[in-house]
Protein backbone atom coordinates (compact mmCIF):
# COMPACT_ATOMS: atom_id res chain seq x y z
CA MET A 1 118.37 91.95 -2.83
CA ASN A 2 117.88 93.17 0.64
CA SER A 3 114.43 94.21 1.60
CA GLY A 4 115.01 95.32 4.49
CA ILE A 5 113.76 92.59 6.81
CA ASP A 6 116.04 91.42 9.43
CA ALA A 7 116.07 87.35 9.46
CA SER A 8 117.63 86.64 12.44
CA PRO A 9 115.08 86.66 15.40
CA PRO A 10 115.41 89.34 17.95
CA PHE A 11 117.24 88.84 21.41
CA GLU A 12 114.03 88.29 23.43
CA THR A 13 112.80 85.81 21.08
CA ALA A 14 115.92 83.95 20.83
CA THR A 15 115.52 84.18 24.96
CA SER A 16 112.49 82.98 25.15
CA GLN A 17 112.39 80.18 22.93
CA TRP A 18 115.91 78.52 24.81
CA ILE A 19 113.86 79.17 28.48
CA HIS A 20 110.91 77.59 26.95
CA LEU A 21 112.88 74.69 26.09
CA ILE A 22 114.59 74.71 29.46
CA GLY A 23 110.90 74.65 30.92
CA VAL A 24 110.05 71.59 28.82
CA GLY A 25 113.04 69.83 29.82
CA ILE A 26 112.46 70.65 33.40
CA GLU A 27 109.24 69.10 33.21
CA ILE A 28 110.34 65.98 31.16
CA PHE A 29 112.37 65.23 34.40
CA GLY A 30 109.75 65.86 36.21
CA VAL A 31 107.82 63.57 34.70
CA PHE A 32 110.71 60.85 34.53
CA ILE A 33 110.93 61.15 38.53
CA ILE A 34 107.50 60.31 38.73
CA VAL A 35 107.51 57.27 36.44
CA ALA A 36 110.91 56.26 38.04
CA GLY A 37 109.61 56.81 41.46
CA ILE A 38 106.74 54.85 41.07
CA ILE A 39 108.38 51.70 39.32
CA TRP A 40 111.12 52.05 42.44
CA SER A 41 108.53 51.84 44.67
CA SER A 42 107.20 48.39 43.22
CA ARG A 43 109.84 46.95 44.93
CA TYR A 44 108.06 47.19 48.11
CA ILE A 45 105.19 45.29 47.04
CA PHE A 46 107.62 42.31 46.07
CA GLN A 47 110.34 42.19 48.46
CA ARG A 48 108.67 42.19 51.78
CA PRO A 49 107.54 39.62 52.95
CA ASP A 50 105.49 41.16 55.99
CA ALA A 51 101.99 43.31 56.42
CA SER A 52 103.53 46.60 56.58
CA ARG A 53 104.70 46.50 52.73
CA TYR A 54 101.59 48.22 51.62
CA ASP A 55 102.47 51.16 53.94
CA HIS A 56 105.97 51.40 52.78
CA TYR A 57 104.89 51.36 49.48
CA LYS A 58 102.41 54.21 50.13
CA ILE A 59 104.73 56.47 51.38
CA SER A 60 107.76 55.58 48.94
CA ILE A 61 104.99 56.41 46.37
CA GLY A 62 103.92 59.51 47.88
CA ARG A 63 107.69 60.88 48.11
CA SER A 64 108.26 60.54 44.43
CA LEU A 65 104.91 62.29 43.60
CA LEU A 66 105.97 65.21 45.97
CA LEU A 67 109.10 65.56 44.47
CA GLY A 68 107.95 65.53 41.11
CA LEU A 69 105.14 67.61 41.54
CA GLU A 70 107.78 69.90 42.94
CA VAL A 71 109.87 69.76 39.91
CA LEU A 72 106.62 70.29 37.78
CA VAL A 73 106.39 73.59 39.98
CA ALA A 74 109.49 74.77 39.41
CA ALA A 75 108.80 74.09 35.35
CA ASP A 76 106.14 76.07 35.21
CA ILE A 77 107.44 79.17 37.54
CA VAL A 78 110.34 79.22 35.21
CA LYS A 79 108.20 79.44 31.91
CA THR A 80 106.05 81.44 34.00
CA ILE A 81 108.42 84.38 35.19
CA ALA A 82 110.64 83.83 31.34
CA ILE A 83 107.72 83.78 28.81
CA GLU A 84 103.88 84.77 30.07
CA LEU A 85 104.95 87.43 32.47
CA THR A 86 101.58 89.63 33.60
CA PHE A 87 99.76 90.34 36.36
CA VAL A 88 97.57 87.44 36.35
CA SER A 89 100.39 84.87 36.06
CA LEU A 90 102.26 86.47 38.69
CA GLY A 91 99.45 86.35 40.98
CA LEU A 92 98.81 82.71 40.69
CA LEU A 93 102.54 82.23 41.82
CA PRO A 94 102.15 82.89 45.32
CA GLY A 95 99.19 80.02 45.22
CA ALA A 96 101.32 77.57 44.04
CA GLY A 97 103.92 78.47 46.38
CA ALA A 98 101.69 77.99 49.21
CA TYR A 99 100.40 74.85 47.97
CA LEU A 100 103.44 73.36 48.59
CA PRO A 101 104.03 72.88 52.25
CA GLU A 102 100.32 71.30 52.24
CA LEU A 103 101.99 68.97 49.96
CA ASP A 104 105.16 68.29 52.36
CA ALA A 105 103.42 68.12 55.30
CA GLY A 106 100.55 65.39 54.16
CA SER A 107 103.78 63.38 53.08
CA GLY A 108 104.53 62.86 56.85
CA ASN A 109 107.73 64.60 56.58
């Protein structure tokens, strides 16, 4: 009856699948931050009667995009380290880390 094949997945495979699901969940959260930030920022267009409403709108959208992109990079780092750990993927991580301060400096904060 038993063919000698273990039906349960090994620990590494199960752990890899869970970490992949966590990474996908973090990515979905990052996209939600961006979309909700754009919707929330739209209140500046409709509620402010002065001429600076466009500037406030741009700043608010920029902040939500920056936060969403930082969450997406964090998800990518989790998935890269946990699932696809190669020398090439490790070499790309410093580039992503170097890019985030440039985004933050461009946001005016």
